[in-house]
Amino acid sequence: MKGRVAVKGQVAEWKSEEVDSLRDMIKSSPVVGVVDLQNIPAKQLQNIREELRGKVTFRMSKNNLMKIALEKTEKEQLKDHINAGAAFIFSNENPFRIYKLLQKSKAPAPAKPGDVAKADIVISQGSTGLPPGPLVSELQSLGVPAKIDKGTISIERDTVFVKHGETISKKVSEILSQLKIEPMEVGADLAAAYEEGLIFKRNVLSIDDVETRNNIIKAFTKALALSFDRRIFTKESVKLLIQQATIKSKSLAIGANIVSPETIGPIMSKSVAQALSLSRLLNGAALDDELKNKLNVVQSAAPAEKKVTEKKVEETKDDKDKDGDAGLEGLGALFG
């Protein structure tokens, strides 16, 4: 018998080369993911590749060879996510960014029999643009309020045609096709991604980043308030605690008449105020002209000072409100 004879246990050369190539790509890429490309038309896959060129590299191969290649690297855990239609993606982008890019690249597609609705499929109110025909009775039999209006089939009100999670039948698929409703999405689904020793699964990658950001800001604010209240020194709370301690120590020093460059002014002002207050209790004959003049000036200035003080209190309230808003914006910038 002429020709090449297969030897039991011998691995084809092309398989070894494929595994080595995959292994090298897996090792050299900071982020490696496994995507599901099953049931994606060739044209759609080409469009996805073009759209993500320079950001994500796709590499398809046989499942068993992909698993063997992973076993030769530190990213072996990814092999648990390799199923029919799987492919590798390689990127410098973080996994969450990759997930969003892949989601954004998805395109609407018609529903096929056996598909499961990922959300409620609604037939909207109004004209369908289709001429009268059997479709009217078919829609009515399925609970859709259809009628003939001005020569076309019209829907009387928005109607949930298929509920989330329901399997789409052949008849429903045909009706959706006639109505030009494409309720499905076609695109690459990121099953899992590896970065810096961690595996990020789909349920983690799909989190709402806006909600998560807001939750982090709330948690940070509460933690900062707690550390401030309990006098727990952290990088964030130490500045606030020092400011509070400075204010309290200065107030205490002024009350105890402890003189320092920071307290000399307030203490002198307090002493003058106390002296003038005592002088009011004395008989007018006991006061000299200078002291009488000072008392007159203080008494005449009191109403004006009261108005100025009230105005400053109002301004302070406004400033606090603005500071509160600015603080939230600052936290937003910190986590944004």
Protein backbone atom coordinates (compact mmCIF):
# COMPACT_ATOMS: atom_id res chain seq x y z
CA MET A 1 0.00 0.00 0.00
CA LYS A 2 1.51 3.26 -1.12
CA GLY A 3 1.12 6.68 0.49
CA ARG A 4 1.40 8.00 4.04
CA VAL A 5 0.58 5.58 6.80
CA ALA A 6 -1.07 7.04 9.93
CA VAL A 7 0.68 6.03 13.14
CA LYS A 8 -1.50 5.57 16.18
CA GLY A 9 -0.84 8.27 18.76
CA GLN A 10 0.97 10.54 16.32
CA VAL A 11 -0.23 14.15 16.30
CA ALA A 12 -0.64 15.84 12.95
CA GLU A 13 2.02 18.49 12.36
CA TRP A 14 -0.54 21.19 11.57
CA LYS A 15 -2.24 20.60 14.92
CA SER A 16 1.01 21.04 16.84
CA GLU A 17 1.76 24.23 14.92
CA GLU A 18 -1.76 25.53 15.59
CA VAL A 19 -1.46 24.85 19.33
CA ASP A 20 1.94 26.57 19.48
CA SER A 21 0.59 29.59 17.61
CA LEU A 22 -2.43 29.87 19.92
CA ARG A 23 -0.23 29.42 22.99
CA ASP A 24 2.07 32.26 21.93
CA MET A 25 -0.86 34.60 21.27
CA ILE A 26 -2.43 33.73 24.64
CA LYS A 27 0.82 34.37 26.51
CA SER A 28 1.61 37.66 24.77
CA SER A 29 -1.83 39.25 25.11
CA PRO A 30 -2.66 41.08 28.38
CA VAL A 31 -6.36 40.35 27.92
CA VAL A 32 -7.69 37.09 26.46
CA GLY A 33 -11.37 36.36 26.06
CA VAL A 34 -13.63 33.57 24.82
CA VAL A 35 -16.51 34.64 22.59
CA ASP A 36 -19.47 32.75 21.18
CA LEU A 37 -19.68 33.16 17.39
CA GLN A 38 -22.25 30.45 16.83
CA ASN A 39 -25.06 31.28 14.39
CA ILE A 40 -23.42 34.52 13.27
CA PRO A 41 -23.65 34.94 9.46
CA ALA A 42 -20.30 35.31 7.71
CA LYS A 43 -21.13 38.83 6.52
CA GLN A 44 -22.04 39.95 10.03
CA LEU A 45 -18.84 38.45 11.45
CA GLN A 46 -16.82 40.28 8.82
CA ASN A 47 -18.54 43.55 9.77
CA ILE A 48 -17.74 42.97 13.46
CA ARG A 49 -14.09 42.34 12.67
CA GLU A 50 -13.86 45.48 10.56
CA GLU A 51 -15.58 47.58 13.22
CA LEU A 52 -13.26 46.36 15.99
CA ARG A 53 -10.06 46.29 13.94
CA GLY A 54 -7.15 47.68 15.97
CA LYS A 55 -8.97 47.08 19.27
CA VAL A 56 -9.83 43.38 19.25
CA THR A 57 -8.28 40.46 17.34
CA PHE A 58 -10.38 37.34 16.69
CA ARG A 59 -8.87 33.88 16.33
CA MET A 60 -11.00 30.82 15.55
CA SER A 61 -9.80 27.23 15.89
CA LYS A 62 -10.97 23.79 16.92
CA ASN A 63 -12.24 23.61 20.49
CA ASN A 64 -9.89 20.83 21.57
CA LEU A 65 -6.85 22.69 20.21
CA MET A 66 -7.94 25.89 21.99
CA LYS A 67 -8.17 23.98 25.29
CA ILE A 68 -4.76 22.36 24.83
CA ALA A 69 -3.21 25.76 24.10
CA LEU A 70 -4.76 27.22 27.27
CA GLU A 71 -3.39 24.33 29.34
CA LYS A 72 0.10 25.42 28.32
CA THR A 73 -0.42 28.90 29.85
CA GLU A 74 -1.44 30.50 33.15
CA LYS A 75 -4.87 31.28 31.66
CA GLU A 76 -6.04 27.66 31.74
CA GLN A 77 -9.27 28.56 33.59
CA LEU A 78 -10.71 29.98 30.37
CA LYS A 79 -11.06 26.49 28.90
CA ASP A 80 -14.20 25.96 31.01
CA HIS A 81 -15.94 28.56 28.83
CA ILE A 82 -15.09 27.00 25.46
CA ASN A 83 -18.12 25.50 23.76
CA ALA A 84 -19.33 24.99 20.20
CA GLY A 85 -18.79 28.11 18.13
CA ALA A 86 -16.17 29.52 20.52
CA ALA A 87 -13.27 31.71 19.43
CA PHE A 88 -10.45 33.59 21.15
CA ILE A 89 -10.21 37.36 21.26
CA PHE A 90 -7.01 39.22 22.10
CA SER A 91 -6.85 42.84 23.16
CA ASN A 92 -5.11 45.55 25.17
CA GLU A 93 -8.49 46.92 26.27
CA ASN A 94 -9.90 45.98 29.68
CA PRO A 95 -12.61 43.25 29.71
CA PHE A 96 -15.44 45.67 30.52
CA ARG A 97 -14.50 47.88 27.58
CA ILE A 98 -14.34 44.82 25.30
CA TYR A 99 -17.79 43.69 26.45
CA LYS A 100 -19.26 47.11 25.63
CA LEU A 101 -17.56 47.18 22.22
CA LEU A 102 -18.98 43.76 21.35
CA GLN A 103 -22.46 44.73 22.56
CA LYS A 104 -22.33 47.92 20.51
CA SER A 105 -21.33 45.97 17.40
CA LYS A 106 -24.45 43.80 17.51
CA ALA A 107 -27.08 44.27 14.80
CA PRO A 108 -30.85 43.57 14.65
CA ALA A 109 -31.84 40.23 13.15
CA PRO A 110 -35.12 38.45 12.30
CA ALA A 111 -36.48 35.88 14.73
CA LYS A 112 -36.16 32.24 13.77
CA PRO A 113 -38.36 29.39 15.01
CA GLY A 114 -36.96 28.17 18.30
CA ASP A 115 -35.39 31.50 19.28
CA VAL A 116 -36.11 32.72 22.81
CA ALA A 117 -37.28 36.31 23.20
CA LYS A 118 -34.70 38.29 25.18
CA ALA A 119 -37.31 40.99 25.86
CA ASP A 120 -41.00 41.61 25.24
CA ILE A 121 -41.67 41.84 21.50
CA VAL A 122 -44.22 44.59 20.90
CA ILE A 123 -46.26 45.26 17.76
CA SER A 124 -46.78 49.02 17.70
CA GLN A 125 -50.03 50.85 17.12
CA GLY A 126 -50.67 52.22 13.64
CA SER A 127 -50.57 51.21 10.02
CA THR A 128 -48.39 48.28 9.03
CA GLY A 129 -48.30 49.44 5.40
CA LEU A 130 -49.42 45.96 4.32
CA PRO A 131 -52.46 45.40 2.10
CA PRO A 132 -55.52 43.49 3.41
CA GLY A 133 -55.12 39.72 3.49
CA PRO A 134 -55.00 36.62 5.70
CA LEU A 135 -52.57 38.38 8.04
CA VAL A 136 -55.48 40.25 9.64
CA SER A 137 -57.17 37.10 10.91
CA GLU A 138 -53.83 35.54 11.86
CA LEU A 139 -52.99 38.54 14.05
CA GLN A 140 -56.46 38.55 15.60
CA SER A 141 -56.23 34.84 16.40
CA LEU A 142 -53.01 35.55 18.32
CA GLY A 143 -54.57 38.36 20.34
CA VAL A 144 -53.41 41.33 18.27
CA PRO A 145 -56.19 43.91 17.61
CA ALA A 146 -55.78 44.23 13.83
CA LYS A 147 -58.23 45.81 11.35
CA ILE A 148 -58.42 47.23 7.84
CA ASP A 149 -58.05 51.00 7.82
CA LYS A 150 -57.69 53.14 4.67
CA GLY A 151 -56.66 50.18 2.57
CA THR A 152 -53.96 48.79 4.87
CA ILE A 153 -53.71 46.51 7.89
CA SER A 154 -53.66 48.64 11.03
CA ILE A 155 -52.94 47.80 14.69
CA GLU A 156 -55.35 49.48 17.11
CA ARG A 157 -52.98 49.68 20.10
CA ASP A 158 -49.49 48.65 21.19
CA THR A 159 -49.58 44.91 21.91
CA VAL A 160 -47.06 42.54 23.51
CA PHE A 161 -46.85 39.82 20.86
CA VAL A 162 -44.19 37.66 22.52
CA LYS A 163 -43.29 37.88 26.20
CA HIS A 164 -39.73 37.86 27.50
CA GLY A 165 -38.45 34.28 27.77
CA GLU A 166 -41.02 32.72 25.45
CA THR A 167 -39.96 30.50 22.56
CA ILE A 168 -40.81 31.86 19.13
CA SER A 169 -42.90 29.52 16.98
CA LYS A 170 -42.76 29.15 13.22
CA LYS A 171 -46.06 31.04 12.77
CA VAL A 172 -44.93 33.92 15.01
CA SER A 173 -41.60 34.07 13.17
CA GLU A 174 -43.39 34.37 9.82
CA ILE A 175 -45.69 37.14 11.07
CA LEU A 176 -42.77 39.12 12.52
CA SER A 177 -40.99 38.75 9.19
CA GLN A 178 -44.02 40.11 7.30
CA LEU A 179 -44.19 43.06 9.69
CA LYS A 180 -40.45 43.64 9.20
CA ILE A 181 -39.85 43.37 12.94
CA GLU A 182 -36.33 42.18 13.80
CA PRO A 183 -36.41 41.53 17.56
CA MET A 184 -33.21 39.52 17.87
CA GLU A 185 -29.58 40.61 17.98
CA VAL A 186 -26.69 39.08 16.09
CA GLY A 187 -23.18 39.53 17.35
CA ALA A 188 -20.31 38.10 19.35
CA ASP A 189 -21.10 37.28 22.99
CA LEU A 190 -18.20 37.53 25.42
CA ALA A 191 -18.44 34.47 27.67
CA ALA A 192 -15.42 35.26 29.85
CA ALA A 193 -12.17 37.22 29.81
CA TYR A 194 -8.82 36.91 31.60
CA GLU A 195 -6.82 39.87 32.89
CA GLU A 196 -4.05 39.98 35.50
CA GLY A 197 -4.89 36.62 37.06
CA LEU A 198 -8.65 37.20 37.22
CA ILE A 199 -11.48 35.65 35.22
CA PHE A 200 -14.36 38.02 34.45
CA LYS A 201 -17.55 36.17 33.56
CA ARG A 202 -20.49 37.49 31.54
CA ASN A 203 -22.67 38.21 34.58
CA VAL A 204 -19.94 40.51 35.96
CA LEU A 205 -19.07 42.15 32.65
CA SER A 206 -22.70 43.06 31.99
CA ILE A 207 -23.18 45.17 35.13
CA ASP A 208 -24.67 48.65 34.81
CA ASP A 209 -21.59 50.87 35.11
CA VAL A 210 -23.61 54.04 35.86
CA GLU A 211 -25.45 52.39 38.74
CA THR A 212 -22.22 50.84 40.00
CA ARG A 213 -20.44 54.21 39.87
CA ASN A 214 -23.26 55.85 41.86
CA ASN A 215 -23.19 53.05 44.43
CA ILE A 216 -19.43 53.48 44.87
CA ILE A 217 -19.85 57.23 45.38
CA LYS A 218 -22.56 56.63 48.00
CA ALA A 219 -20.43 54.03 49.76
CA PHE A 220 -17.41 56.37 49.72
CA THR A 221 -19.48 59.23 51.18
CA LYS A 222 -20.85 57.05 53.98
CA ALA A 223 -17.41 55.62 54.76
CA LEU A 224 -15.90 59.11 54.90
CA ALA A 225 -18.67 60.31 57.24
CA LEU A 226 -18.18 57.27 59.47
CA SER A 227 -14.39 57.66 59.65
CA PHE A 228 -14.83 61.37 60.47
CA ASP A 229 -17.43 60.68 63.18
CA ARG A 230 -15.37 57.87 64.77
CA ARG A 231 -12.05 59.72 64.41
CA ILE A 232 -10.59 57.03 62.17
CA PHE A 233 -7.59 58.48 60.34
CA THR A 234 -7.45 57.70 56.64
CA LYS A 235 -5.96 59.49 53.66
CA GLU A 236 -9.38 60.99 52.90
CA SER A 237 -10.53 61.86 56.45
CA VAL A 238 -7.30 63.18 58.00
CA LYS A 239 -7.61 66.61 56.38
CA LEU A 240 -11.16 67.07 57.69
CA LEU A 241 -10.18 65.86 61.17
CA ILE A 242 -7.21 68.24 61.32
CA GLN A 243 -9.40 71.15 60.22
CA GLN A 244 -11.96 70.32 62.92
CA ALA A 245 -9.22 69.97 65.59
CA THR A 246 -7.72 73.33 64.54
CA ILE A 247 -11.07 75.10 64.85
CA LYS A 248 -11.81 73.54 68.25
CA SER A 249 -8.33 74.22 69.67
CA LYS A 250 -8.46 77.84 68.53
CA SER A 251 -11.89 78.27 70.12
CA LEU A 252 -10.64 76.71 73.35
CA ALA A 253 -7.54 78.94 73.40
CA ILE A 254 -9.63 82.08 72.90
CA GLY A 255 -12.00 81.04 75.71
CA ALA A 256 -9.02 80.40 78.06
CA ASN A 257 -7.17 83.57 76.95
CA ILE A 258 -4.18 81.59 75.71
CA VAL A 259 -2.26 84.06 73.56
CA SER A 260 -0.77 82.99 70.22
CA PRO A 261 -0.38 84.63 66.80
CA GLU A 262 -3.70 83.02 65.79
CA THR A 263 -5.65 84.02 68.93
CA ILE A 264 -4.28 87.47 69.85
CA GLY A 265 -6.73 89.32 67.60
CA PRO A 266 -9.91 87.54 68.79
CA ILE A 267 -8.79 87.77 72.44
CA MET A 268 -8.20 91.55 72.18
CA SER A 269 -11.58 92.00 70.51
CA LYS A 270 -13.21 89.92 73.25
CA SER A 271 -11.50 91.99 75.97
CA VAL A 272 -12.63 95.27 74.44
CA ALA A 273 -16.18 93.96 74.12
CA GLN A 274 -16.16 92.84 77.76
CA ALA A 275 -14.81 96.19 78.92
CA LEU A 276 -17.47 98.08 77.03
CA SER A 277 -20.13 95.76 78.41
CA LEU A 278 -18.98 96.45 81.99
CA SER A 279 -18.81 100.20 81.37
CA ARG A 280 -22.51 100.24 80.56
CA LEU A 281 -23.20 99.22 84.15
CA LEU A 282 -21.33 102.22 85.56
CA ASN A 283 -22.82 105.60 86.36
CA GLY A 284 -22.44 108.02 83.46
CA ALA A 285 -20.56 110.42 85.69
CA ALA A 286 -17.86 107.80 86.20
CA LEU A 287 -17.09 107.58 82.49
CA ASP A 288 -14.67 109.84 80.69
CA ASP A 289 -15.51 111.43 77.37
CA GLU A 290 -13.49 108.93 75.32
CA LEU A 291 -15.31 105.94 76.81
CA LYS A 292 -18.69 107.65 76.38
CA ASN A 293 -17.92 108.25 72.70
CA LYS A 294 -16.96 104.60 72.18
CA LEU A 295 -20.16 103.43 73.83
CA ASN A 296 -22.20 105.75 71.62
CA VAL A 297 -20.43 104.45 68.51
CA VAL A 298 -21.03 100.80 69.54
CA GLN A 299 -24.71 101.42 70.28
CA SER A 300 -25.34 103.27 66.99
CA ALA A 301 -23.49 100.59 65.00
CA ALA A 302 -25.40 97.70 66.61
CA PRO A 303 -28.46 97.79 64.30
CA ALA A 304 -26.29 98.02 61.21
CA GLU A 305 -24.10 95.16 62.42
CA LYS A 306 -27.20 93.09 63.05
CA LYS A 307 -28.34 93.56 59.44
CA VAL A 308 -24.86 92.75 58.11
CA THR A 309 -24.71 89.65 60.33
CA GLU A 310 -28.10 88.44 59.11
CA LYS A 311 -26.98 88.96 55.51
CA LYS A 312 -23.77 87.01 56.14
CA VAL A 313 -25.73 84.15 57.71
CA GLU A 314 -27.89 83.94 54.56
CA GLU A 315 -24.80 84.05 52.33
CA THR A 316 -23.16 81.33 54.44
CA LYS A 317 -26.20 79.10 53.97
CA ASP A 318 -26.04 79.59 50.23
CA ASP A 319 -22.29 78.88 50.21
CA LYS A 320 -22.84 75.66 52.17
CA ASP A 321 -25.42 74.52 49.67
CA LYS A 322 -23.02 75.27 46.83
CA ASP A 323 -20.18 73.52 48.65
CA GLY A 324 -22.37 70.45 49.10
CA ASP A 325 -23.09 70.32 45.38
CA ALA A 326 -19.43 70.89 44.59
CA GLY A 327 -18.47 68.05 46.93
CA LEU A 328 -20.70 65.63 45.06
CA GLU A 329 -19.28 66.81 41.75
CA GLY A 330 -15.78 66.26 43.15
CA LEU A 331 -16.66 62.70 44.13
CA GLY A 332 -18.15 62.18 40.70
CA ALA A 333 -14.90 63.32 39.11
CA LEU A 334 -12.94 61.06 41.45
CA PHE A 335 -14.82 57.95 40.27
CA GLY A 336 -15.65 59.13 36.74
